[in-house]
């Protein structure tokens, strides 16, 4: 199923870029011209998306040969050759941008999360993603998070209860919201965790009485987070969320929370600089 979804994304991207045809390549490159392409990472980072780039070439022209020199998830230095592709020059040039777009975005995510993971490596805290992903690209965005050493939060609205402020408003209270989710969980007859977002200590104390699986501390200060961790005292898992940056993530992790979610990992991606250089062979 995952391969099918990735293939669908690739096919959409290729259609978007090529349209009726790559008119410049058609005009300037002969049908029999063979070339080799060299993928260079131009800055330090974590490479991700090479398996997707390989699939781009396979879908467009199965005769092309893609060879990994590094693997997805590897740390690489600037000006490192990470992969090659050999075959028809027309096919390589036509697929170049699509392959690079996937690699650059995924590598940017993986590189960013690796920095966060390294910053909290001395603690038990896991860095997790959110649903703030590029529409249609959630699978690849979350793959990149894992390749960078992070962990995935819920994939969508279907695989974990997460009671937020609007749900609380509609449910009248923390206790009632959790009760309603427990009832719905029984109806589904599935083992699904119930997480609740709390904004203050009054909500936190009420959530503790209701045995939530995970409590999300939303926009708590570092000091209040430390107090909340002591109050919870291992009764459930704890997630910190809301405005946590690379500059503050270490301080939050040192309070003893289990998870820190960071939306910027996927909603504000800075692509890793990767280029494809072509050498004509004959």
Protein backbone atom coordinates (compact mmCIF):
# COMPACT_ATOMS: atom_id res chain seq x y z
CA UNK A 1 0.00 0.00 0.00
CA UNK A 2 2.81 2.40 0.88
CA UNK A 3 4.62 1.76 -2.42
CA UNK A 4 1.37 2.36 -4.31
CA UNK A 5 0.85 5.72 -2.54
CA UNK A 6 4.42 6.83 -3.27
CA UNK A 7 4.06 5.82 -6.92
CA UNK A 8 0.89 7.90 -7.16
CA UNK A 9 2.71 10.95 -5.78
CA UNK A 10 5.57 10.44 -8.23
CA UNK A 11 3.21 10.12 -11.17
CA UNK A 12 1.41 13.33 -10.18
CA UNK A 13 4.75 15.15 -9.85
CA UNK A 14 5.98 13.91 -13.23
CA UNK A 15 2.76 14.94 -14.98
CA UNK A 16 2.90 18.33 -13.29
CA UNK A 17 6.44 18.98 -14.53
CA UNK A 18 6.46 17.36 -17.96
CA UNK A 19 2.97 18.04 -19.23
CA UNK A 20 2.81 17.03 -22.90
CA UNK A 21 6.61 16.79 -23.19
CA UNK A 22 9.95 18.21 -22.10
CA UNK A 23 10.23 20.45 -25.15
CA UNK A 24 13.78 21.74 -24.48
CA UNK A 25 15.22 18.24 -24.02
CA UNK A 26 13.29 16.97 -27.03
CA UNK A 27 14.75 19.79 -29.11
CA UNK A 28 18.39 19.52 -28.01
CA UNK A 29 19.17 15.94 -26.98
CA UNK A 30 19.27 13.02 -29.41
CA UNK A 31 17.34 9.83 -28.70
CA UNK A 32 20.48 7.68 -28.52
CA UNK A 33 22.53 10.00 -26.29
CA UNK A 34 23.72 8.21 -23.13
CA UNK A 35 24.68 10.08 -19.96
CA UNK A 36 25.62 9.62 -16.34
CA UNK A 37 24.16 11.81 -13.61
CA UNK A 38 25.92 12.53 -10.32
CA UNK A 39 23.92 13.55 -7.24
CA UNK A 40 25.97 15.86 -5.01
CA UNK A 41 24.88 17.09 -1.58
CA UNK A 42 26.16 20.68 -1.35
CA UNK A 43 25.92 21.14 2.42
CA UNK A 44 26.28 19.06 5.58
CA UNK A 45 23.13 17.12 6.43
CA UNK A 46 21.19 13.87 6.52
CA UNK A 47 20.31 12.37 3.14
CA UNK A 48 16.75 11.14 2.66
CA UNK A 49 14.53 10.37 -0.29
CA UNK A 50 17.03 8.52 -2.47
CA UNK A 51 14.72 5.51 -2.61
CA UNK A 52 11.99 7.84 -3.88
CA UNK A 53 14.32 9.43 -6.44
CA UNK A 54 15.26 5.96 -7.66
CA UNK A 55 11.58 5.16 -8.07
CA UNK A 56 11.07 8.36 -10.11
CA UNK A 57 13.57 7.12 -12.69
CA UNK A 58 12.18 3.56 -12.60
CA UNK A 59 8.66 4.75 -13.32
CA UNK A 60 9.63 7.09 -16.14
CA UNK A 61 12.27 4.89 -17.79
CA UNK A 62 12.94 1.40 -16.38
CA UNK A 63 16.17 1.17 -18.45
CA UNK A 64 17.88 3.78 -16.26
CA UNK A 65 20.30 2.46 -13.64
CA UNK A 66 20.26 4.24 -10.26
CA UNK A 67 23.05 3.42 -7.81
CA UNK A 68 23.20 4.50 -4.17
CA UNK A 69 26.57 5.40 -2.72
CA UNK A 70 25.03 6.39 0.61
CA UNK A 71 21.78 5.15 2.15
CA UNK A 72 18.73 7.08 3.30
CA UNK A 73 19.35 8.32 6.84
CA UNK A 74 23.15 8.66 6.44
CA UNK A 75 24.90 11.82 7.58
CA UNK A 76 26.90 13.36 4.74
CA UNK A 77 29.29 16.27 4.39
CA UNK A 78 29.15 19.09 1.90
CA UNK A 79 30.13 18.25 -1.70
CA UNK A 80 29.55 14.53 -1.20
CA UNK A 81 28.57 12.29 -4.12
CA UNK A 82 25.61 10.27 -2.82
CA UNK A 83 24.19 8.51 -5.91
CA UNK A 84 24.48 8.12 -9.67
CA UNK A 85 22.04 7.44 -12.49
CA UNK A 86 23.06 6.14 -15.91
CA UNK A 87 21.13 5.74 -19.16
CA UNK A 88 19.33 7.81 -21.76
CA UNK A 89 20.26 11.46 -21.37
CA UNK A 90 16.73 12.52 -22.34
CA UNK A 91 15.18 10.51 -19.53
CA UNK A 92 17.67 11.71 -16.91
CA UNK A 93 17.17 15.37 -17.82
CA UNK A 94 13.39 15.07 -17.91
CA UNK A 95 13.22 13.45 -14.45
CA UNK A 96 15.98 15.55 -12.86
CA UNK A 97 13.86 18.18 -11.11
CA UNK A 98 11.20 15.77 -9.88
CA UNK A 99 13.81 13.48 -8.32
CA UNK A 100 15.64 16.41 -6.74
CA UNK A 101 12.45 17.94 -5.34
CA UNK A 102 11.68 14.76 -3.42
CA UNK A 103 15.25 14.36 -2.19
CA UNK A 104 15.73 17.99 -1.18
CA UNK A 105 12.51 18.23 0.84
CA UNK A 106 12.97 14.89 2.59
CA UNK A 107 16.65 15.58 3.29
CA UNK A 108 15.76 19.00 4.70
CA UNK A 109 13.30 17.43 7.14
CA UNK A 110 15.73 14.65 8.11
CA UNK A 111 18.57 17.14 8.63
CA UNK A 112 16.47 19.42 10.82
CA UNK A 113 15.10 16.69 13.05
CA UNK A 114 18.56 15.19 13.49
CA UNK A 115 19.66 18.47 15.08
CA UNK A 116 16.74 18.33 17.53
CA UNK A 117 17.36 14.66 18.32
CA UNK A 118 21.04 15.30 18.99
CA UNK A 119 20.18 18.24 21.25
CA UNK A 120 18.13 16.00 23.58
CA UNK A 121 20.12 12.77 23.24
CA UNK A 122 21.17 12.92 26.90
CA UNK A 123 17.51 12.67 27.98
CA UNK A 124 14.71 10.11 27.53
CA UNK A 125 12.67 12.54 25.42
CA UNK A 126 11.65 11.60 21.87
CA UNK A 127 11.20 14.28 19.22
CA UNK A 128 7.96 13.70 17.34
CA UNK A 129 6.26 15.27 14.34
CA UNK A 130 2.74 16.67 13.87
CA UNK A 131 0.08 16.70 11.16
CA UNK A 132 1.45 20.02 9.87
CA UNK A 133 2.68 18.44 6.66
CA UNK A 134 2.54 19.34 2.98
CA UNK A 135 -0.92 18.18 1.79
CA UNK A 136 -0.60 14.85 0.02
CA UNK A 137 3.00 14.37 1.18
CA UNK A 138 2.37 13.24 4.76
CA UNK A 139 3.72 9.75 4.14
CA UNK A 140 7.01 11.08 2.76
CA UNK A 141 7.28 13.86 5.35
CA UNK A 142 6.86 11.35 8.17
CA UNK A 143 9.28 8.92 6.51
CA UNK A 144 11.85 11.71 6.49
CA UNK A 145 11.26 12.39 10.18
CA UNK A 146 12.08 8.77 11.03
CA UNK A 147 15.14 8.79 8.76
CA UNK A 148 16.40 11.79 10.74
CA UNK A 149 16.04 9.88 14.01
CA UNK A 150 12.69 11.27 15.14
CA UNK A 151 9.43 9.46 15.81
CA UNK A 152 5.99 9.78 14.29
CA UNK A 153 3.01 11.09 16.24
CA UNK A 154 -0.40 10.01 14.95
CA UNK A 155 -0.48 9.70 11.18
CA UNK A 156 -3.97 11.20 10.87
CA UNK A 157 -7.25 11.73 12.64
CA UNK A 158 -8.02 8.02 12.64
CA UNK A 159 -5.27 6.36 14.67
CA UNK A 160 -5.30 8.14 18.03
CA UNK A 161 -7.71 10.24 20.06
CA UNK A 162 -6.38 13.75 20.65
CA UNK A 163 -8.75 15.96 22.62
CA UNK A 164 -7.94 19.62 21.94
CA UNK A 165 -9.44 22.89 23.13
CA UNK A 166 -12.29 22.91 20.60
CA UNK A 167 -13.24 19.36 21.57
CA UNK A 168 -13.21 20.39 25.23
CA UNK A 169 -15.45 23.34 24.51
CA UNK A 170 -17.97 21.08 22.79
CA UNK A 171 -17.76 18.45 25.53
CA UNK A 172 -18.12 20.89 28.47
CA UNK A 173 -15.29 19.38 30.53
CA UNK A 174 -12.09 17.35 30.48
CA UNK A 175 -13.80 14.46 32.24
CA UNK A 176 -16.72 14.36 29.82
CA UNK A 177 -14.45 14.58 26.74
CA UNK A 178 -12.37 11.63 27.94
CA UNK A 179 -15.51 9.66 28.84
CA UNK A 180 -16.96 10.24 25.36
CA UNK A 181 -13.73 9.07 23.73
CA UNK A 182 -13.67 5.97 25.93
CA UNK A 183 -17.23 5.17 24.87
CA UNK A 184 -16.36 5.61 21.21
CA UNK A 185 -13.25 3.50 21.68
CA UNK A 186 -15.41 0.66 23.07
CA UNK A 187 -17.68 1.00 20.06
CA UNK A 188 -14.70 0.66 17.71
CA UNK A 189 -13.37 -2.28 19.73
CA UNK A 190 -9.77 -1.22 19.10
CA UNK A 191 -6.80 -0.46 21.30
CA UNK A 192 -6.39 3.27 20.67
CA UNK A 193 -4.60 5.68 22.99
CA UNK A 194 -6.43 8.72 24.32
CA UNK A 195 -4.41 11.92 24.53
CA UNK A 196 -5.69 15.19 25.91
CA UNK A 197 -4.29 18.68 25.52
CA UNK A 198 -4.29 20.78 28.70
CA UNK A 199 -3.57 24.48 28.97
CA UNK A 200 -3.40 24.90 32.76
CA UNK A 201 -3.01 23.01 36.02
CA UNK A 202 -6.76 22.84 36.66
CA UNK A 203 -7.26 20.89 33.42
CA UNK A 204 -4.16 18.83 34.19
CA UNK A 205 -5.46 17.69 37.57
CA UNK A 206 -8.84 16.78 36.05
CA UNK A 207 -7.13 14.80 33.25
CA UNK A 208 -5.08 12.87 35.81
CA UNK A 209 -8.26 11.74 37.58
CA UNK A 210 -9.62 10.37 34.29
CA UNK A 211 -6.64 8.15 33.43
CA UNK A 212 -5.72 9.60 30.03
CA UNK A 213 -2.95 7.68 28.28
CA UNK A 214 -1.05 10.82 27.28
CA UNK A 215 -1.30 14.39 28.52
CA UNK A 216 -0.11 17.15 26.20
CA UNK A 217 1.14 20.24 27.99
CA UNK A 218 0.24 23.01 25.58
CA UNK A 219 2.34 26.20 25.75
CA UNK A 220 3.56 25.50 29.28
CA UNK A 221 6.71 27.31 30.32
CA UNK A 222 9.78 25.24 31.15
CA UNK A 223 9.24 25.83 34.86
CA UNK A 224 5.55 24.90 34.70
CA UNK A 225 6.44 21.84 32.65
CA UNK A 226 8.82 20.74 35.38
CA UNK A 227 6.06 21.18 37.98
CA UNK A 228 3.60 19.27 35.77
CA UNK A 229 6.01 16.35 35.35
CA UNK A 230 6.37 16.14 39.14
CA UNK A 231 2.59 16.27 39.59
CA UNK A 232 1.94 13.56 36.98
CA UNK A 233 4.68 11.44 38.57
CA UNK A 234 4.66 8.66 35.98
CA UNK A 235 0.88 8.15 35.93
CA UNK A 236 0.81 8.64 32.15
CA UNK A 237 2.99 9.70 29.24
CA UNK A 238 3.69 13.42 28.79
CA UNK A 239 4.04 15.45 25.61
CA UNK A 240 5.24 19.06 25.46
CA UNK A 241 3.97 21.14 22.57
CA UNK A 242 3.51 24.72 21.44
CA UNK A 243 6.21 27.11 20.28
CA UNK A 244 9.17 24.91 21.23
CA UNK A 245 12.21 25.84 19.15
CA UNK A 246 15.70 24.44 18.70
CA UNK A 247 16.91 27.02 21.23
CA UNK A 248 14.49 25.81 23.92
CA UNK A 249 14.09 22.09 23.14
CA UNK A 250 16.96 21.01 25.41
CA UNK A 251 15.47 22.80 28.42
CA UNK A 252 12.06 21.19 27.86
CA UNK A 253 13.59 17.74 27.42
CA UNK A 254 15.48 18.07 30.70
CA UNK A 255 12.17 18.46 32.59
CA UNK A 256 11.53 14.74 32.01
CA UNK A 257 8.75 14.78 29.40
CA UNK A 258 8.41 11.73 27.18
CA UNK A 259 7.76 13.55 23.91
CA UNK A 260 8.27 16.96 22.37
CA UNK A 261 6.28 17.70 19.22
CA UNK A 262 7.60 20.31 16.80
CA UNK A 263 5.43 21.47 13.91
CA UNK A 264 8.30 23.31 12.26
CA UNK A 265 9.95 20.00 11.38
CA UNK A 266 7.54 19.63 8.48
CA UNK A 267 5.63 22.90 8.04
CA UNK A 268 8.68 25.13 7.58
CA UNK A 269 11.05 22.91 5.63
CA UNK A 270 14.38 24.29 4.48
CA UNK A 271 15.40 22.05 1.61
CA UNK A 272 18.88 20.55 1.65
CA UNK A 273 20.96 21.78 -1.28
CA UNK A 274 21.40 18.86 -3.68
CA UNK A 275 22.36 19.05 -7.35
CA UNK A 276 22.54 16.65 -10.29
CA UNK A 277 25.48 17.06 -12.62
CA UNK A 278 25.30 15.39 -16.03
CA UNK A 279 28.15 13.91 -18.07
CA UNK A 280 27.44 12.84 -21.65
CA UNK A 281 29.02 9.46 -22.42
CA UNK A 282 28.36 8.97 -26.12
